[in-house]
């Protein structure tokens, strides 16, 4: 992708081929070979078509940083001038990008103080805030988990990396330790399922997991407390272990079967009526 002056750059004199004209590098934003960046300091300058498309790209990068936790809820964002310098765009582009984030509910402006990540730190475009914690509400969460986590497990078995498996083993161990210590292990259980989404290699599964985290967390906590009261926590633990074994073996069908068996088992132990395909 050839480099073009952005909207505020003055006209330049023609140059001979290769003189001062850098071709798009493999790391340029939008390049099919672009590696994912985990640090905001590594963000490349953007130099593309129109101010609108530039604003979309800046907004998308900032959106990912917020969703991935690089900018925490309530944290002050860099100044407009700093963002303009970092991305190599004009202030008008930055303003349009921030306006998109504000519209999405990811950012709020405080006069005289700057722009801040919204307290919830998540987009408002997909929300379940009004879902009641009732048997019907929980059943609906479990139905949604079947649809999402079944496919996530299938993909994760094919794409998981050694660090994903190591994290899943640790989460499983932490669940057992938590029960032995007299706690319910909800955090380790939620971490296990979050790692499952991450192991798909598809960032949209991870973003959806973050969207749903509060409600899935309620379902996990309710199921774990119920299992401890009933003395059936070992069943849930064994279900997680079967899923981990399938992921380690790279068996996609077994992984999907295992996660659905776990979700269905948790729902049954809660006495929930969950419709299955």
Foldseek 3Di string as FASTA:
>chain_A
DWFDAADPDDDDDDDDPPPPTDGDDLCAPPRPSHDDDDDLQPHEADGDDYLVVLLVSLLVVVLVCLLVCVADAFRADDALVVSCVSRVHDSVSSVSSVVVCVVQVQWDADPPPHIGGHNLSAGPPDADVVQDPDLVSLLVVLQVCLVLLLVLLLLLLQQADPVLLVLLVVLLVQCVVQVVVPHQSLVSVLSNSLSSQVSSVDVVSNSVCSRCVVVVSVSSSVLSVLCVVVVNNVVLSVLSVQLSVSSVVSPSNSNSVSVNVNSVVSSVSVVHDHDDD
